[in-house]
Amino acid sequence: MNDYMIRATAANDAIRAFAATTRQMVEDARQAHDTTPVCTAALGRLLTGGVMIGSMLKEDKALVTIQVRGDGPAGGITVTADSHFHAKGYVNNPHVQLPLKPNGKLDVSGAVGRGTMTVIRDLGLKEPFAGTIDMPSGEIAEDLTYYFAESEQVPSSVGLGVLVDRDWSVKQAGGFIIQLLPATPDEVIDALEKKLANVASVTSMLEMGMTPEDILQELLGDFGLQVMEKNEVSFRCNCSKERIEKALISIGPEDIREMIDDGKPIDVGCQFCGKDYRFEIPDLEKILKIQTRGRH
């Protein structure tokens, strides 16, 4: 089954909801960055949350970037998603390994640690909108729930899960976001809170073969669920040699001159997808010419 997400409403449009299955997207990220299981789970949760939040953006070229900066050994996670259901991301230290928690689960909060989560929405205007919170748990889903309530004043419930197989590949990944709009009646809120308190984990539901539609039916079926749209989601990076070249142009001419004098080509990797771009000596000389021209 291809990765996809759905957008839905319930309770006469008083609730909006998103649910996604993202196993291949997270597996692509794992392969790109050679992540250990705990880092796969942390990055996968943030990618899943990011791609759903990206889908909330209406502008064609809008982007959302989520930065997790914790004091745990993973060092930090960055995910960027667009409004077309693509996401990319990386972990600063992707090879961290930690013992399992007493319940046998991966210790994501231990890898992430305590710190901040910043959500930056770039809508193509002069200044992006950014909100930062102190993360209550480092588990990602709880932190995003807290972010929506604190920074955007939208009561939300976020569920995210990644199940890693024995060979370190991704067995299941997915999640949901449920948001209450201002007109939600109190009795609906009370009933929904009861439902959420007793729901199985995201990975348990996926392991039972439940689809995103099934998950939202389980959570919101009593409230008149209406699925509005369904879209494929994927791990996709828009890096290119031209983009990397622009980044190299921004560093000092002295550094480029030093690389040329070394007489060896250089390989520059993209942080988001791990792809390497090779710049031969003529490429570096061209960059130096552009830099020199810009200074005159």
C-alpha atoms as a PDB file:
ATOM      1  CA  MET A   1       0.000   0.000   0.000  1.00  0.00           C
ATOM      2  CA  ASN A   2       1.382   3.396  -0.996  1.00  0.00           C
ATOM      3  CA  ASP A   3       1.743   6.002   1.716  1.00  0.00           C
ATOM      4  CA  TYR A   4      -1.150   8.415   1.816  1.00  0.00           C
ATOM      5  CA  MET A   5      -3.033  10.778   4.074  1.00  0.00           C
ATOM      6  CA  ILE A   6      -6.632  11.815   4.362  1.00  0.00           C
ATOM      7  CA  ARG A   7      -8.269  15.033   5.502  1.00  0.00           C
ATOM      8  CA  ALA A   8     -11.674  14.840   7.134  1.00  0.00           C
ATOM      9  CA  THR A   9     -14.238  16.763   9.151  1.00  0.00           C
ATOM     10  CA  ALA A  10     -16.706  15.691  11.843  1.00  0.00           C
ATOM     11  CA  ALA A  11     -19.345  17.105  14.199  1.00  0.00           C
ATOM     12  CA  ASN A  12     -20.768  19.427  11.526  1.00  0.00           C
ATOM     13  CA  ASP A  13     -17.328  20.846  10.692  1.00  0.00           C
ATOM     14  CA  ALA A  14     -16.533  21.574  14.355  1.00  0.00           C
ATOM     15  CA  ILE A  15     -13.682  19.034  14.161  1.00  0.00           C
ATOM     16  CA  ARG A  16     -11.033  18.767  11.481  1.00  0.00           C
ATOM     17  CA  ALA A  17      -8.822  15.716  11.245  1.00  0.00           C
ATOM     18  CA  PHE A  18      -5.895  14.231   9.368  1.00  0.00           C
ATOM     19  CA  ALA A  19      -4.546  10.680   9.323  1.00  0.00           C
ATOM     20  CA  ALA A  20      -1.658   9.153   7.411  1.00  0.00           C
ATOM     21  CA  THR A  21       0.229   5.957   6.773  1.00  0.00           C
ATOM     22  CA  THR A  22       3.898   6.750   6.147  1.00  0.00           C
ATOM     23  CA  ARG A  23       5.880   3.491   6.257  1.00  0.00           C
ATOM     24  CA  GLN A  24       7.682   4.013   2.926  1.00  0.00           C
ATOM     25  CA  MET A  25       8.375   7.693   3.605  1.00  0.00           C
ATOM     26  CA  VAL A  26      10.041   6.838   6.923  1.00  0.00           C
ATOM     27  CA  GLU A  27      11.899   3.872   5.384  1.00  0.00           C
ATOM     28  CA  ASP A  28      13.262   6.168   2.647  1.00  0.00           C
ATOM     29  CA  ALA A  29      14.482   8.566   5.343  1.00  0.00           C
ATOM     30  CA  ARG A  30      16.042   5.679   7.293  1.00  0.00           C
ATOM     31  CA  GLN A  31      17.948   4.506   4.219  1.00  0.00           C
ATOM     32  CA  ALA A  32      19.053   8.035   3.309  1.00  0.00           C
ATOM     33  CA  HIS A  33      20.520   8.673   6.764  1.00  0.00           C
ATOM     34  CA  ASP A  34      21.356   5.134   7.976  1.00  0.00           C
ATOM     35  CA  THR A  35      19.489   5.813  11.218  1.00  0.00           C
ATOM     36  CA  THR A  36      19.452   3.493  14.225  1.00  0.00           C
ATOM     37  CA  PRO A  37      15.997   2.299  15.400  1.00  0.00           C
ATOM     38  CA  VAL A  38      15.515   5.002  18.054  1.00  0.00           C
ATOM     39  CA  CYS A  39      16.526   7.737  15.584  1.00  0.00           C
ATOM     40  CA  THR A  40      14.294   6.189  12.898  1.00  0.00           C
ATOM     41  CA  ALA A  41      11.370   6.390  15.340  1.00  0.00           C
ATOM     42  CA  ALA A  42      12.109   9.994  16.338  1.00  0.00           C
ATOM     43  CA  LEU A  43      12.649  11.220  12.766  1.00  0.00           C
ATOM     44  CA  GLY A  44       9.707   9.166  11.478  1.00  0.00           C
ATOM     45  CA  ARG A  45       7.312  10.641  14.014  1.00  0.00           C
ATOM     46  CA  LEU A  46       8.379  14.184  13.115  1.00  0.00           C
ATOM     47  CA  LEU A  47       8.194  13.474   9.359  1.00  0.00           C
ATOM     48  CA  THR A  48       4.667  12.087   9.774  1.00  0.00           C
ATOM     49  CA  GLY A  49       3.550  15.070  11.849  1.00  0.00           C
ATOM     50  CA  GLY A  50       5.308  17.430   9.441  1.00  0.00           C
ATOM     51  CA  VAL A  51       3.662  16.103   6.289  1.00  0.00           C
ATOM     52  CA  MET A  52       0.200  16.450   7.899  1.00  0.00           C
ATOM     53  CA  ILE A  53       0.957  20.000   9.080  1.00  0.00           C
ATOM     54  CA  GLY A  54       2.334  20.846   5.622  1.00  0.00           C
ATOM     55  CA  SER A  55      -1.001  19.788   4.122  1.00  0.00           C
ATOM     56  CA  MET A  56      -2.698  22.487   6.212  1.00  0.00           C
ATOM     57  CA  LEU A  57      -0.848  25.149   4.198  1.00  0.00           C
ATOM     58  CA  LYS A  58      -2.897  26.625   1.361  1.00  0.00           C
ATOM     59  CA  GLU A  59      -0.217  28.575  -0.553  1.00  0.00           C
ATOM     60  CA  ASP A  60       1.434  26.739  -3.467  1.00  0.00           C
ATOM     61  CA  LYS A  61       5.049  27.380  -2.403  1.00  0.00           C
ATOM     62  CA  ALA A  62       4.448  27.417   1.349  1.00  0.00           C
ATOM     63  CA  LEU A  63       6.727  25.407   3.627  1.00  0.00           C
ATOM     64  CA  VAL A  64       6.653  24.380   7.256  1.00  0.00           C
ATOM     65  CA  THR A  65       9.883  23.581   9.098  1.00  0.00           C
ATOM     66  CA  ILE A  66       9.872  21.886  12.506  1.00  0.00           C
ATOM     67  CA  GLN A  67      13.062  22.076  14.541  1.00  0.00           C
ATOM     68  CA  VAL A  68      13.502  19.958  17.660  1.00  0.00           C
ATOM     69  CA  ARG A  69      16.470  21.029  19.770  1.00  0.00           C
ATOM     70  CA  GLY A  70      16.869  18.685  22.731  1.00  0.00           C
ATOM     71  CA  ASP A  71      19.701  17.938  25.134  1.00  0.00           C
ATOM     72  CA  GLY A  72      19.577  14.191  24.372  1.00  0.00           C
ATOM     73  CA  PRO A  73      22.268  12.340  22.398  1.00  0.00           C
ATOM     74  CA  ALA A  74      20.343  12.633  19.088  1.00  0.00           C
ATOM     75  CA  GLY A  75      21.267  16.310  19.183  1.00  0.00           C
ATOM     76  CA  GLY A  76      18.282  17.664  17.292  1.00  0.00           C
ATOM     77  CA  ILE A  77      15.895  16.872  14.426  1.00  0.00           C
ATOM     78  CA  THR A  78      14.803  19.068  11.515  1.00  0.00           C
ATOM     79  CA  VAL A  79      11.888  18.344   9.163  1.00  0.00           C
ATOM     80  CA  THR A  80      10.582  20.464   6.298  1.00  0.00           C
ATOM     81  CA  ALA A  81       7.274  19.769   4.528  1.00  0.00           C
ATOM     82  CA  ASP A  82       5.500  21.523   1.666  1.00  0.00           C
ATOM     83  CA  SER A  83       1.830  21.962   0.795  1.00  0.00           C
ATOM     84  CA  HIS A  84       2.033  19.151  -1.786  1.00  0.00           C
ATOM     85  CA  PHE A  85       2.393  16.228   0.670  1.00  0.00           C
ATOM     86  CA  HIS A  86       6.194  15.901   0.560  1.00  0.00           C
ATOM     87  CA  ALA A  87       8.500  15.957   3.571  1.00  0.00           C
ATOM     88  CA  LYS A  88      12.234  15.654   4.206  1.00  0.00           C
ATOM     89  CA  GLY A  89      14.335  15.699   7.353  1.00  0.00           C
ATOM     90  CA  TYR A  90      17.402  14.598   9.247  1.00  0.00           C
ATOM     91  CA  VAL A  91      18.718  13.819  12.729  1.00  0.00           C
ATOM     92  CA  ASN A  92      21.928  15.543  13.838  1.00  0.00           C
ATOM     93  CA  ASN A  93      23.361  12.325  15.299  1.00  0.00           C
ATOM     94  CA  PRO A  94      21.605   9.490  13.419  1.00  0.00           C
ATOM     95  CA  HIS A  95      23.635   6.616  14.890  1.00  0.00           C
ATOM     96  CA  VAL A  96      22.614   6.969  18.552  1.00  0.00           C
ATOM     97  CA  GLN A  97      21.683   3.696  20.262  1.00  0.00           C
ATOM     98  CA  LEU A  98      19.881   3.472  23.613  1.00  0.00           C
ATOM     99  CA  PRO A  99      18.531   0.556  25.662  1.00  0.00           C
ATOM    100  CA  LEU A 100      14.809  -0.144  25.274  1.00  0.00           C
ATOM    101  CA  LYS A 101      12.484   1.240  27.930  1.00  0.00           C
ATOM    102  CA  PRO A 102      11.176  -1.211  30.575  1.00  0.00           C
ATOM    103  CA  ASN A 103       7.986  -1.670  28.490  1.00  0.00           C
ATOM    104  CA  GLY A 104      10.099  -2.784  25.489  1.00  0.00           C
ATOM    105  CA  LYS A 105       9.519   0.431  23.512  1.00  0.00           C
ATOM    106  CA  LEU A 106      12.184   2.557  21.846  1.00  0.00           C
ATOM    107  CA  ASP A 107      13.339   5.390  24.112  1.00  0.00           C
ATOM    108  CA  VAL A 108      12.572   8.332  21.820  1.00  0.00           C
ATOM    109  CA  SER A 109      12.318  10.852  24.670  1.00  0.00           C
ATOM    110  CA  GLY A 110      15.693   9.641  25.954  1.00  0.00           C
ATOM    111  CA  ALA A 111      17.287  10.216  22.543  1.00  0.00           C
ATOM    112  CA  VAL A 112      15.642  13.624  22.058  1.00  0.00           C
ATOM    113  CA  GLY A 113      15.899  14.879  25.646  1.00  0.00           C
ATOM    114  CA  ARG A 114      14.398  18.107  26.937  1.00  0.00           C
ATOM    115  CA  GLY A 115      14.580  21.334  24.985  1.00  0.00           C
ATOM    116  CA  THR A 116      12.551  23.342  22.493  1.00  0.00           C
ATOM    117  CA  MET A 117      10.365  22.753  19.450  1.00  0.00           C
ATOM    118  CA  THR A 118      10.090  25.532  16.879  1.00  0.00           C
ATOM    119  CA  VAL A 119       7.527  25.488  14.062  1.00  0.00           C
ATOM    120  CA  ILE A 120       8.234  27.908  11.202  1.00  0.00           C
ATOM    121  CA  ARG A 121       5.547  28.494   8.586  1.00  0.00           C
ATOM    122  CA  ASP A 122       6.930  30.201   5.472  1.00  0.00           C
ATOM    123  CA  LEU A 123       3.972  31.377   3.411  1.00  0.00           C
ATOM    124  CA  GLY A 124       6.123  33.306   0.919  1.00  0.00           C
ATOM    125  CA  LEU A 125       5.597  36.590   2.749  1.00  0.00           C
ATOM    126  CA  LYS A 126       8.440  38.800   4.003  1.00  0.00           C
ATOM    127  CA  GLU A 127       8.527  37.257   7.467  1.00  0.00           C
ATOM    128  CA  PRO A 128       7.750  33.611   8.236  1.00  0.00           C
ATOM    129  CA  PHE A 129       5.531  32.883  11.242  1.00  0.00           C
ATOM    130  CA  ALA A 130       7.468  31.070  13.969  1.00  0.00           C
ATOM    131  CA  GLY A 131       6.357  29.686  17.316  1.00  0.00           C
ATOM    132  CA  THR A 132       8.588  28.029  19.928  1.00  0.00           C
ATOM    133  CA  ILE A 133       7.636  25.931  22.946  1.00  0.00           C
ATOM    134  CA  ASP A 134       9.517  24.133  25.685  1.00  0.00           C
ATOM    135  CA  MET A 135       8.866  20.458  24.913  1.00  0.00           C
ATOM    136  CA  PRO A 136       6.935  18.725  27.697  1.00  0.00           C
ATOM    137  CA  SER A 137       8.138  15.206  26.849  1.00  0.00           C
ATOM    138  CA  GLY A 138      10.461  14.784  23.853  1.00  0.00           C
ATOM    139  CA  GLU A 139       8.070  12.115  22.535  1.00  0.00           C
ATOM    140  CA  ILE A 140       7.179  14.356  19.515  1.00  0.00           C
ATOM    141  CA  ALA A 141       3.383  13.722  19.426  1.00  0.00           C
ATOM    142  CA  GLU A 142       2.798  15.184  22.906  1.00  0.00           C
ATOM    143  CA  ASP A 143       5.100  18.071  22.029  1.00  0.00           C
ATOM    144  CA  LEU A 144       3.152  18.884  18.855  1.00  0.00           C
ATOM    145  CA  THR A 145      -0.131  18.659  20.818  1.00  0.00           C
ATOM    146  CA  TYR A 146       1.286  21.168  23.304  1.00  0.00           C
ATOM    147  CA  TYR A 147       2.602  23.394  20.479  1.00  0.00           C
ATOM    148  CA  PHE A 148      -0.848  23.662  18.848  1.00  0.00           C
ATOM    149  CA  ALA A 149      -2.483  24.569  22.159  1.00  0.00           C
ATOM    150  CA  GLU A 150       0.172  27.036  23.333  1.00  0.00           C
ATOM    151  CA  SER A 151       1.363  28.674  20.135  1.00  0.00           C
ATOM    152  CA  GLU A 152      -1.690  28.520  17.880  1.00  0.00           C
ATOM    153  CA  GLN A 153      -4.457  28.255  20.504  1.00  0.00           C
ATOM    154  CA  VAL A 154      -5.967  25.252  18.705  1.00  0.00           C
ATOM    155  CA  PRO A 155      -6.942  22.369  21.045  1.00  0.00           C
ATOM    156  CA  SER A 156      -5.532  19.284  19.312  1.00  0.00           C
ATOM    157  CA  SER A 157      -4.704  15.641  19.784  1.00  0.00           C
ATOM    158  CA  VAL A 158      -1.694  14.284  17.912  1.00  0.00           C
ATOM    159  CA  GLY A 159      -0.890  10.573  17.683  1.00  0.00           C
ATOM    160  CA  LEU A 160       2.291   9.381  15.936  1.00  0.00           C
ATOM    161  CA  GLY A 161       3.945   5.992  15.760  1.00  0.00           C
ATOM    162  CA  VAL A 162       6.853   4.168  14.109  1.00  0.00           C
ATOM    163  CA  LEU A 163       7.426   0.437  14.503  1.00  0.00           C
ATOM    164  CA  VAL A 164      10.926  -0.743  13.602  1.00  0.00           C
ATOM    165  CA  ASP A 165      11.500  -4.374  12.579  1.00  0.00           C
ATOM    166  CA  ARG A 166      14.319  -6.638  13.805  1.00  0.00           C
ATOM    167  CA  ASP A 167      16.416  -5.856  10.721  1.00  0.00           C
ATOM    168  CA  TRP A 168      16.018  -2.117  11.504  1.00  0.00           C
ATOM    169  CA  SER A 169      13.677  -1.535   8.546  1.00  0.00           C
ATOM    170  CA  VAL A 170      10.402   0.302   9.114  1.00  0.00           C
ATOM    171  CA  LYS A 171       7.507  -2.089   9.699  1.00  0.00           C
ATOM    172  CA  GLN A 172       4.760   0.475  10.343  1.00  0.00           C
ATOM    173  CA  ALA A 173       4.531   4.268  10.512  1.00  0.00           C
ATOM    174  CA  GLY A 174       1.674   6.719  10.605  1.00  0.00           C
ATOM    175  CA  GLY A 175      -0.328   9.114  12.705  1.00  0.00           C
ATOM    176  CA  PHE A 176      -3.290  11.409  13.148  1.00  0.00           C
ATOM    177  CA  ILE A 177      -4.051  15.007  14.093  1.00  0.00           C
ATOM    178  CA  ILE A 178      -7.487  15.944  15.433  1.00  0.00           C
ATOM    179  CA  GLN A 179      -8.277  19.618  15.991  1.00  0.00           C
ATOM    180  CA  LEU A 180     -11.240  21.291  17.658  1.00  0.00           C
ATOM    181  CA  LEU A 181     -12.527  24.470  16.058  1.00  0.00           C
ATOM    182  CA  PRO A 182     -13.933  27.284  18.255  1.00  0.00           C
ATOM    183  CA  ALA A 183     -17.583  26.247  17.793  1.00  0.00           C
ATOM    184  CA  THR A 184     -17.134  22.664  19.058  1.00  0.00           C
ATOM    185  CA  PRO A 185     -19.939  21.908  21.580  1.00  0.00           C
ATOM    186  CA  ASP A 186     -18.855  20.890  25.099  1.00  0.00           C
ATOM    187  CA  GLU A 187     -20.612  17.527  24.895  1.00  0.00           C
ATOM    188  CA  VAL A 188     -18.638  16.669  21.725  1.00  0.00           C
ATOM    189  CA  ILE A 189     -15.379  17.657  23.442  1.00  0.00           C
ATOM    190  CA  ASP A 190     -16.213  15.468  26.475  1.00  0.00           C
ATOM    191  CA  ALA A 191     -17.135  12.458  24.319  1.00  0.00           C
ATOM    192  CA  LEU A 192     -14.021  12.854  22.168  1.00  0.00           C
ATOM    193  CA  GLU A 193     -11.747  13.076  25.223  1.00  0.00           C
ATOM    194  CA  LYS A 194     -13.200   9.788  26.507  1.00  0.00           C
ATOM    195  CA  LYS A 195     -12.670   8.151  23.120  1.00  0.00           C
ATOM    196  CA  LEU A 196      -9.041   9.353  22.894  1.00  0.00           C
ATOM    197  CA  ALA A 197      -8.283   8.197  26.437  1.00  0.00           C
ATOM    198  CA  ASN A 198      -9.047   4.585  25.469  1.00  0.00           C
ATOM    199  CA  VAL A 199      -7.630   4.424  21.954  1.00  0.00           C
ATOM    200  CA  ALA A 200      -4.888   1.933  21.038  1.00  0.00           C
ATOM    201  CA  SER A 201      -1.472   3.245  19.955  1.00  0.00           C
ATOM    202  CA  VAL A 202      -1.039   4.255  16.309  1.00  0.00           C
ATOM    203  CA  THR A 203       1.352   1.370  15.615  1.00  0.00           C
ATOM    204  CA  SER A 204      -1.072  -1.114  17.218  1.00  0.00           C
ATOM    205  CA  MET A 205      -3.862   0.090  14.932  1.00  0.00           C
ATOM    206  CA  LEU A 206      -1.601  -0.118  11.873  1.00  0.00           C
ATOM    207  CA  GLU A 207      -0.442  -3.603  12.888  1.00  0.00           C
ATOM    208  CA  MET A 208      -4.116  -4.635  13.020  1.00  0.00           C
ATOM    209  CA  GLY A 209      -4.313  -3.631   9.357  1.00  0.00           C
ATOM    210  CA  MET A 210      -6.201  -0.398   9.959  1.00  0.00           C
ATOM    211  CA  THR A 211      -6.023   2.261   7.247  1.00  0.00           C
ATOM    212  CA  PRO A 212      -6.068   6.035   7.864  1.00  0.00           C
ATOM    213  CA  GLU A 213      -9.805   5.889   7.134  1.00  0.00           C
ATOM    214  CA  ASP A 214     -10.245   3.128   9.736  1.00  0.00           C
ATOM    215  CA  ILE A 215      -8.268   5.095  12.322  1.00  0.00           C
ATOM    216  CA  LEU A 216     -10.411   8.214  11.928  1.00  0.00           C
ATOM    217  CA  GLN A 217     -13.563   6.068  11.869  1.00  0.00           C
ATOM    218  CA  GLU A 218     -12.450   4.550  15.188  1.00  0.00           C
ATOM    219  CA  LEU A 219     -11.849   8.003  16.687  1.00  0.00           C
ATOM    220  CA  LEU A 220     -14.558  10.110  15.059  1.00  0.00           C
ATOM    221  CA  GLY A 221     -17.132   7.667  13.686  1.00  0.00           C
ATOM    222  CA  ASP A 222     -19.627   8.668  16.385  1.00  0.00           C
ATOM    223  CA  PHE A 223     -19.406  12.314  15.296  1.00  0.00           C
ATOM    224  CA  GLY A 224     -20.422  12.059  11.637  1.00  0.00           C
ATOM    225  CA  LEU A 225     -17.013  11.617  10.011  1.00  0.00           C
ATOM    226  CA  GLN A 226     -16.675  12.915   6.439  1.00  0.00           C
ATOM    227  CA  VAL A 227     -13.490  12.226   4.473  1.00  0.00           C
ATOM    228  CA  MET A 228     -12.823  15.235   2.254  1.00  0.00           C
ATOM    229  CA  GLU A 229      -9.683  14.236   0.343  1.00  0.00           C
ATOM    230  CA  LYS A 230      -6.954  11.624   0.009  1.00  0.00           C
ATOM    231  CA  ASN A 231      -3.404  12.252  -1.243  1.00  0.00           C
ATOM    232  CA  GLU A 232      -0.208  10.239  -1.578  1.00  0.00           C
ATOM    233  CA  VAL A 233       2.671  11.397   0.654  1.00  0.00           C
ATOM    234  CA  SER A 234       6.399  10.862   0.154  1.00  0.00           C
ATOM    235  CA  PHE A 235       9.918  11.604   1.360  1.00  0.00           C
ATOM    236  CA  ARG A 236      11.226  14.002  -1.254  1.00  0.00           C
ATOM    237  CA  CYS A 237      14.161  16.399  -1.306  1.00  0.00           C
ATOM    238  CA  ASN A 238      14.404  19.280  -3.771  1.00  0.00           C
ATOM    239  CA  CYS A 239      18.191  19.567  -3.547  1.00  0.00           C
ATOM    240  CA  SER A 240      20.232  19.968  -6.739  1.00  0.00           C
ATOM    241  CA  LYS A 241      23.807  20.725  -7.765  1.00  0.00           C
ATOM    242  CA  GLU A 242      22.712  24.300  -8.538  1.00  0.00           C
ATOM    243  CA  ARG A 243      21.371  24.780  -4.991  1.00  0.00           C
ATOM    244  CA  ILE A 244      24.569  23.388  -3.459  1.00  0.00           C
ATOM    245  CA  GLU A 245      26.588  25.665  -5.769  1.00  0.00           C
ATOM    246  CA  LYS A 246      24.692  28.689  -4.450  1.00  0.00           C
ATOM    247  CA  ALA A 247      25.589  27.619  -0.917  1.00  0.00           C
ATOM    248  CA  LEU A 248      29.260  27.332  -1.903  1.00  0.00           C
ATOM    249  CA  ILE A 249      29.158  30.803  -3.504  1.00  0.00           C
ATOM    250  CA  SER A 250      28.078  32.187  -0.123  1.00  0.00           C
ATOM    251  CA  ILE A 251      31.262  31.012   1.619  1.00  0.00           C
ATOM    252  CA  GLY A 252      34.467  33.070   1.412  1.00  0.00           C
ATOM    253  CA  PRO A 253      36.612  33.160  -1.780  1.00  0.00           C
ATOM    254  CA  GLU A 254      39.642  32.314   0.383  1.00  0.00           C
ATOM    255  CA  ASP A 255      38.070  28.958   1.278  1.00  0.00           C
ATOM    256  CA  ILE A 256      37.270  28.204  -2.376  1.00  0.00           C
ATOM    257  CA  ARG A 257      40.829  29.194  -3.385  1.00  0.00           C
ATOM    258  CA  GLU A 258      42.170  26.793  -0.749  1.00  0.00           C
ATOM    259  CA  MET A 259      40.051  23.963  -2.182  1.00  0.00           C
ATOM    260  CA  ILE A 260      41.365  24.708  -5.692  1.00  0.00           C
ATOM    261  CA  ASP A 261      44.963  24.788  -4.454  1.00  0.00           C
ATOM    262  CA  ASP A 262      44.442  21.346  -2.891  1.00  0.00           C
ATOM    263  CA  GLY A 263      43.941  20.095  -6.442  1.00  0.00           C
ATOM    264  CA  LYS A 264      41.234  17.578  -5.517  1.00  0.00           C
ATOM    265  CA  PRO A 265      37.505  17.553  -6.223  1.00  0.00           C
ATOM    266  CA  ILE A 266      35.208  18.020  -3.228  1.00  0.00           C
ATOM    267  CA  ASP A 267      32.018  16.162  -2.331  1.00  0.00           C
ATOM    268  CA  VAL A 268      29.248  18.143  -0.650  1.00  0.00           C
ATOM    269  CA  GLY A 269      26.333  16.228   0.884  1.00  0.00           C
ATOM    270  CA  CYS A 270      22.746  17.378   1.309  1.00  0.00           C
ATOM    271  CA  GLN A 271      21.774  17.287   4.991  1.00  0.00           C
ATOM    272  CA  PHE A 272      18.168  16.425   4.217  1.00  0.00           C
ATOM    273  CA  CYS A 273      18.586  13.411   1.937  1.00  0.00           C
ATOM    274  CA  GLY A 274      22.259  12.448   2.193  1.00  0.00           C
ATOM    275  CA  LYS A 275      22.890  12.774  -1.560  1.00  0.00           C
ATOM    276  CA  ASP A 276      26.458  13.767  -2.488  1.00  0.00           C
ATOM    277  CA  TYR A 277      27.363  16.309  -5.174  1.00  0.00           C
ATOM    278  CA  ARG A 278      30.875  16.357  -6.626  1.00  0.00           C
ATOM    279  CA  PHE A 279      32.558  19.617  -7.594  1.00  0.00           C
ATOM    280  CA  GLU A 280      35.637  19.225  -9.810  1.00  0.00           C
ATOM    281  CA  ILE A 281      38.391  21.855  -9.963  1.00  0.00           C
ATOM    282  CA  PRO A 282      36.777  23.630 -12.994  1.00  0.00           C
ATOM    283  CA  ASP A 283      33.493  23.846 -11.016  1.00  0.00           C
ATOM    284  CA  LEU A 284      35.325  25.455  -8.096  1.00  0.00           C
ATOM    285  CA  GLU A 285      37.137  27.879 -10.444  1.00  0.00           C
ATOM    286  CA  LYS A 286      33.770  28.903 -11.888  1.00  0.00           C
ATOM    287  CA  ILE A 287      32.442  29.541  -8.344  1.00  0.00           C
ATOM    288  CA  LEU A 288      35.539  31.617  -7.532  1.00  0.00           C
ATOM    289  CA  LYS A 289      34.999  33.717 -10.676  1.00  0.00           C
ATOM    290  CA  ILE A 290      31.381  34.395  -9.664  1.00  0.00           C
ATOM    291  CA  GLN A 291      32.514  35.400  -6.174  1.00  0.00           C
ATOM    292  CA  THR A 292      35.288  37.676  -7.497  1.00  0.00           C
ATOM    293  CA  ARG A 293      32.918  39.299  -9.974  1.00  0.00           C
ATOM    294  CA  GLY A 294      30.455  39.951  -7.158  1.00  0.00           C
ATOM    295  CA  ARG A 295      33.071  41.827  -5.168  1.00  0.00           C
ATOM    296  CA  HIS A 296      33.893  44.298  -7.946  1.00  0.00           C
END
